[in-house]
Amino acid sequence: MGRLEDKVAIVTGAGSQVDDGIGTGRAAAVLFAREGARVLLVDRKPEAAEQTRELIKQEGATAEVFAADVTSSEDCAAMVARAVELWGRLDILDNNVGIGGRGTVVDVEEEDWERVMRVNVTGMMLASKHAVPAMAESGGGAIVNIASIAAMRPRGLTPYSVSKGAVISLTQALAVDHARDGIRANCIAPGPIYTPMVYAGGMSVELRERRKNASLLRIEGSGWDVGYAALFLASDEARYITGVVLPVDGGVLLRGPER
């Protein structure tokens, strides 16, 4: 039996900005399916999610693609309805959609601030809003939200840091509000891992090396590292864990600035 045998999962942001790239959403989707879950691959770009489905199909597992914008309540309702229509239940929601945002409160344009909050926070709220009743109907479930260590260690990315801090608070509120429904909610805070979201716009060899060496372990994190953490939190192995923030950062949070 796989660790998620007979479970039904929705993974948002299940595609990738780079065709063969492995981001946190694609990694989680592949691992969930590999462990027996039937997975609805949600992405604003269905062609990106289709490439994830092909990876899953090659392993003989089950997944379907659903095009949706998580900032739309109607789309979030429709994705949940589709998962239930296909497989009769919903057990797992893995929220991966997110965008970056630079600058201080002085620098940032108001429309950019609003966009970061809408995508990074409201999108997770709306996905959860529609997933929770379906999970409760199924007897409970697990929500995994992707935040960032930037929420705990801000460095020139104020809109992004604030939005990810809100994701942590949202996760804890979900854990408190819906425990009575048998629903757990946990949060992963990735460090400077190498994902398509990071390198799609280009990254120098020097910057990549500095990011790698920022961790105590001096190794480079990948989307798979976050995916495996999500797999654990979504599984029954984590049945007594809710409301936590799990850094996946190689120890970056423990390391002070170089002097």
Protein backbone atom coordinates (compact mmCIF):
# COMPACT_ATOMS: atom_id res chain seq x y z
CA MET A 1 0.00 0.00 0.00
CA GLY A 2 1.23 3.49 -0.86
CA ARG A 3 1.32 6.18 1.79
CA LEU A 4 -1.63 7.95 0.12
CA GLU A 5 -3.48 4.90 -1.17
CA ASP A 6 -7.16 5.63 -1.95
CA LYS A 7 -6.70 9.36 -1.24
CA VAL A 8 -7.81 12.13 -3.59
CA ALA A 9 -5.59 15.22 -3.82
CA ILE A 10 -5.74 18.62 -5.45
CA VAL A 11 -2.39 20.25 -6.17
CA THR A 12 -2.52 23.88 -7.27
CA GLY A 13 0.40 25.26 -9.25
CA ALA A 14 1.02 21.73 -10.50
CA GLY A 15 2.75 22.85 -13.68
CA SER A 16 6.12 24.55 -14.09
CA GLN A 17 7.41 27.80 -15.57
CA VAL A 18 10.05 25.69 -17.34
CA ASP A 19 8.94 22.68 -19.40
CA ASP A 20 11.10 20.07 -17.68
CA GLY A 21 11.55 22.01 -14.43
CA ILE A 22 10.63 20.59 -11.04
CA GLY A 23 8.93 23.14 -8.84
CA THR A 24 7.27 22.45 -5.53
CA GLY A 25 3.86 21.82 -7.09
CA ARG A 26 5.05 19.41 -9.76
CA ALA A 27 7.21 17.52 -7.25
CA ALA A 28 4.33 17.16 -4.78
CA ALA A 29 1.94 16.01 -7.50
CA VAL A 30 4.31 13.32 -8.77
CA LEU A 31 5.06 12.07 -5.25
CA PHE A 32 1.39 12.04 -4.22
CA ALA A 33 0.49 10.00 -7.31
CA ARG A 34 3.46 7.69 -6.83
CA GLU A 35 2.19 6.94 -3.32
CA GLY A 36 -1.29 6.00 -4.52
CA ALA A 37 -3.29 9.24 -4.60
CA ARG A 38 -5.46 10.27 -7.49
CA VAL A 39 -4.38 13.81 -8.22
CA LEU A 40 -6.15 16.77 -9.84
CA LEU A 41 -3.41 18.91 -11.37
CA VAL A 42 -4.54 22.51 -11.23
CA ASP A 43 -2.75 25.27 -13.10
CA ARG A 44 -3.61 28.50 -14.87
CA LYS A 45 -1.71 27.06 -17.84
CA PRO A 46 -3.15 23.60 -18.55
CA GLU A 47 -0.31 22.76 -20.94
CA ALA A 48 2.13 23.04 -18.03
CA ALA A 49 -0.01 20.74 -15.87
CA GLU A 50 -0.30 18.33 -18.81
CA GLN A 51 3.47 17.83 -18.72
CA THR A 52 3.15 16.91 -15.04
CA ARG A 53 0.38 14.48 -15.90
CA GLU A 54 2.64 12.85 -18.47
CA LEU A 55 5.31 12.27 -15.81
CA ILE A 56 2.69 10.66 -13.58
CA LYS A 57 1.26 8.61 -16.42
CA GLN A 58 4.72 7.19 -17.16
CA GLU A 59 4.73 5.76 -13.63
CA GLY A 60 1.33 4.14 -14.11
CA ALA A 61 -0.41 6.46 -11.66
CA THR A 62 -3.60 8.50 -11.96
CA ALA A 63 -3.95 12.25 -12.53
CA GLU A 64 -6.15 14.66 -14.44
CA VAL A 65 -5.58 18.28 -15.49
CA PHE A 66 -7.85 21.16 -14.55
CA ALA A 67 -7.34 24.74 -15.75
CA ALA A 68 -8.09 27.29 -13.04
CA ASP A 69 -7.06 30.65 -11.64
CA VAL A 70 -7.01 30.31 -7.87
CA THR A 71 -7.76 34.02 -7.43
CA SER A 72 -11.24 33.22 -8.80
CA SER A 73 -13.73 31.82 -6.29
CA GLU A 74 -15.71 30.30 -9.15
CA ASP A 75 -12.63 28.48 -10.46
CA CYS A 76 -11.77 27.16 -6.99
CA ALA A 77 -15.31 25.88 -6.51
CA ALA A 78 -15.16 24.22 -9.92
CA MET A 79 -11.84 22.47 -9.26
CA VAL A 80 -13.14 20.97 -6.04
CA ALA A 81 -16.35 19.90 -7.75
CA ARG A 82 -14.31 18.27 -10.51
CA ALA A 83 -12.18 16.23 -8.07
CA VAL A 84 -15.31 15.00 -6.30
CA GLU A 85 -17.01 14.26 -9.62
CA LEU A 86 -14.04 12.21 -10.82
CA TRP A 87 -13.22 10.29 -7.66
CA GLY A 88 -16.04 10.80 -5.17
CA ARG A 89 -14.12 12.53 -2.37
CA LEU A 90 -11.37 14.99 -1.42
CA ASP A 91 -8.65 14.26 1.13
CA ILE A 92 -5.72 16.58 0.37
CA LEU A 93 -5.23 20.16 -0.79
CA ASP A 94 -1.68 21.25 -1.58
CA ASN A 95 -1.51 25.02 -2.21
CA ASN A 96 1.57 25.93 -4.27
CA VAL A 97 0.58 28.99 -6.28
CA GLY A 98 2.70 32.03 -5.52
CA ILE A 99 4.53 34.98 -7.06
CA GLY A 100 7.42 37.15 -5.93
CA GLY A 101 7.46 40.78 -4.89
CA ARG A 102 10.43 43.07 -4.22
CA GLY A 103 11.03 46.37 -2.52
CA THR A 104 10.13 48.17 0.67
CA VAL A 105 6.79 49.74 1.57
CA VAL A 106 8.21 52.95 0.13
CA ASP A 107 9.26 51.40 -3.17
CA VAL A 108 6.39 49.06 -3.97
CA GLU A 109 3.58 50.18 -6.23
CA GLU A 110 0.16 49.75 -4.66
CA GLU A 111 -1.16 47.66 -7.54
CA ASP A 112 1.84 45.33 -7.27
CA TRP A 113 1.24 44.97 -3.52
CA GLU A 114 -2.41 44.09 -4.13
CA ARG A 115 -1.50 41.54 -6.80
CA VAL A 116 0.99 39.74 -4.56
CA MET A 117 -1.58 39.55 -1.74
CA ARG A 118 -4.31 38.41 -4.11
CA VAL A 119 -2.26 35.59 -5.61
CA ASN A 120 -0.29 34.45 -2.56
CA VAL A 121 -2.89 34.79 0.19
CA THR A 122 -6.39 35.14 -1.25
CA GLY A 123 -5.74 32.30 -3.70
CA MET A 124 -4.97 29.91 -0.82
CA MET A 125 -7.96 31.18 1.12
CA LEU A 126 -10.32 30.59 -1.80
CA ALA A 127 -8.94 27.14 -2.55
CA SER A 128 -9.33 26.21 1.12
CA LYS A 129 -12.77 27.81 1.37
CA HIS A 130 -14.14 25.41 -1.23
CA ALA A 131 -12.01 22.39 -0.29
CA VAL A 132 -12.86 22.32 3.42
CA PRO A 133 -16.57 21.35 3.04
CA ALA A 134 -15.66 18.56 0.59
CA MET A 135 -12.96 17.28 2.95
CA ALA A 136 -15.35 17.36 5.90
CA GLU A 137 -17.87 15.40 3.85
CA SER A 138 -15.13 12.86 3.12
CA GLY A 139 -14.35 12.41 6.81
CA GLY A 140 -11.43 14.81 7.13
CA GLY A 141 -8.22 15.60 5.31
CA ALA A 142 -5.00 17.58 5.13
CA ILE A 143 -4.14 21.01 3.79
CA VAL A 144 -0.52 21.87 3.02
CA ASN A 145 0.34 25.50 2.25
CA ILE A 146 3.65 26.72 0.85
CA ALA A 147 4.99 29.81 2.61
CA SER A 148 8.67 30.86 2.74
CA ILE A 149 11.40 31.56 5.28
CA ALA A 150 11.14 35.12 3.93
CA ALA A 151 8.18 35.45 6.30
CA MET A 152 10.55 34.96 9.23
CA ARG A 153 13.67 36.54 7.77
CA PRO A 154 12.66 39.54 5.62
CA ARG A 155 15.33 40.86 3.26
CA GLY A 156 14.20 43.45 0.74
CA LEU A 157 11.16 41.47 -0.42
CA THR A 158 8.55 43.17 1.72
CA PRO A 159 5.40 42.37 -0.33
CA TYR A 160 6.47 38.73 -0.64
CA SER A 161 7.53 38.44 3.01
CA VAL A 162 4.27 39.92 4.27
CA SER A 163 2.19 37.67 2.02
CA LYS A 164 4.00 34.56 3.23
CA GLY A 165 3.58 35.66 6.83
CA ALA A 166 -0.13 35.83 6.10
CA VAL A 167 0.01 32.30 4.68
CA ILE A 168 1.43 31.08 8.00
CA SER A 169 -1.37 32.81 9.92
CA LEU A 170 -3.96 31.46 7.49
CA THR A 171 -2.61 27.95 8.00
CA GLN A 172 -2.83 28.20 11.77
CA ALA A 173 -6.35 29.61 11.56
CA LEU A 174 -7.40 26.72 9.33
CA ALA A 175 -5.92 24.27 11.83
CA VAL A 176 -7.92 25.80 14.68
CA ASP A 177 -11.18 26.37 12.81
CA HIS A 178 -11.49 22.99 11.12
CA ALA A 179 -9.94 20.47 13.49
CA ARG A 180 -13.48 19.54 14.49
CA ASP A 181 -13.98 18.36 10.90
CA GLY A 182 -10.93 16.10 11.08
CA ILE A 183 -8.92 18.49 8.91
CA ARG A 184 -5.25 19.18 9.57
CA ALA A 185 -3.50 22.26 8.15
CA ASN A 186 0.26 22.68 8.02
CA CYS A 187 2.70 24.98 6.32
CA ILE A 188 6.08 24.49 4.64
CA ALA A 189 8.57 27.38 4.59
CA PRO A 190 11.14 26.71 1.86
CA GLY A 191 14.51 28.40 1.92
CA PRO A 192 16.56 29.42 -1.14
CA ILE A 193 15.86 26.31 -3.18
CA TYR A 194 16.52 26.05 -6.91
CA THR A 195 13.15 25.93 -8.66
CA PRO A 196 11.80 27.23 -11.98
CA MET A 197 10.20 30.18 -10.15
CA VAL A 198 13.72 31.21 -9.14
CA TYR A 199 15.72 30.49 -12.28
CA ALA A 200 13.19 31.04 -15.08
CA GLY A 201 14.30 34.66 -15.40
CA GLY A 202 17.97 33.72 -15.41
CA MET A 203 20.48 33.22 -12.60
CA SER A 204 24.24 33.58 -12.63
CA VAL A 205 26.51 30.76 -11.57
CA GLU A 206 27.88 33.00 -8.82
CA LEU A 207 24.45 33.76 -7.36
CA ARG A 208 23.43 30.11 -7.50
CA GLU A 209 26.60 29.18 -5.59
CA ARG A 210 25.98 31.86 -2.95
CA ARG A 211 22.43 30.62 -2.46
CA LYS A 212 23.67 27.06 -2.05
CA ASN A 213 26.29 28.07 0.49
CA ALA A 214 23.77 30.08 2.52
CA SER A 215 22.65 26.84 4.15
CA LEU A 216 24.45 25.12 7.00
CA LEU A 217 24.57 21.96 4.90
CA ARG A 218 26.04 23.78 1.88
CA ILE A 219 23.91 21.77 -0.50
CA GLU A 220 21.32 23.01 -2.97
CA GLY A 221 17.67 22.42 -2.18
CA SER A 222 15.21 21.44 -4.90
CA GLY A 223 11.49 21.18 -5.47
CA TRP A 224 11.74 17.52 -4.49
CA ASP A 225 12.81 18.46 -0.96
CA VAL A 226 9.62 20.49 -0.51
CA GLY A 227 7.59 17.78 -2.25
CA TYR A 228 8.74 15.11 0.18
CA ALA A 229 7.87 17.34 3.13
CA ALA A 230 4.41 17.89 1.64
CA LEU A 231 4.01 14.14 1.17
CA PHE A 232 4.73 13.53 4.84
CA LEU A 233 2.37 16.26 6.06
CA ALA A 234 -0.40 15.04 3.75
CA SER A 235 -0.04 11.42 4.86
CA ASP A 236 -1.48 9.66 7.89
CA GLU A 237 2.07 9.52 9.27
CA ALA A 238 1.45 13.15 10.27
CA ARG A 239 -1.95 12.41 11.84
CA TYR A 240 -0.99 14.16 15.11
CA ILE A 241 0.58 17.22 13.46
CA THR A 242 -1.41 20.36 12.70
CA GLY A 243 -0.75 24.09 12.68
CA VAL A 244 3.01 23.75 12.29
CA VAL A 245 5.45 25.69 10.13
CA LEU A 246 8.15 23.38 8.77
CA PRO A 247 11.23 25.14 7.37
CA VAL A 248 12.83 23.24 4.49
CA ASP A 249 15.91 25.39 4.21
CA GLY A 250 19.07 23.44 5.00
CA GLY A 251 19.42 25.45 8.21
CA VAL A 252 19.44 28.91 6.64
CA LEU A 253 17.26 30.30 9.43
CA LEU A 254 19.87 29.24 11.99
CA ARG A 255 22.73 30.98 10.27
CA GLY A 256 23.56 34.60 11.00
CA PRO A 257 24.85 37.04 8.40
CA GLU A 258 28.48 36.67 7.36
CA ARG A 259 30.78 39.32 8.81
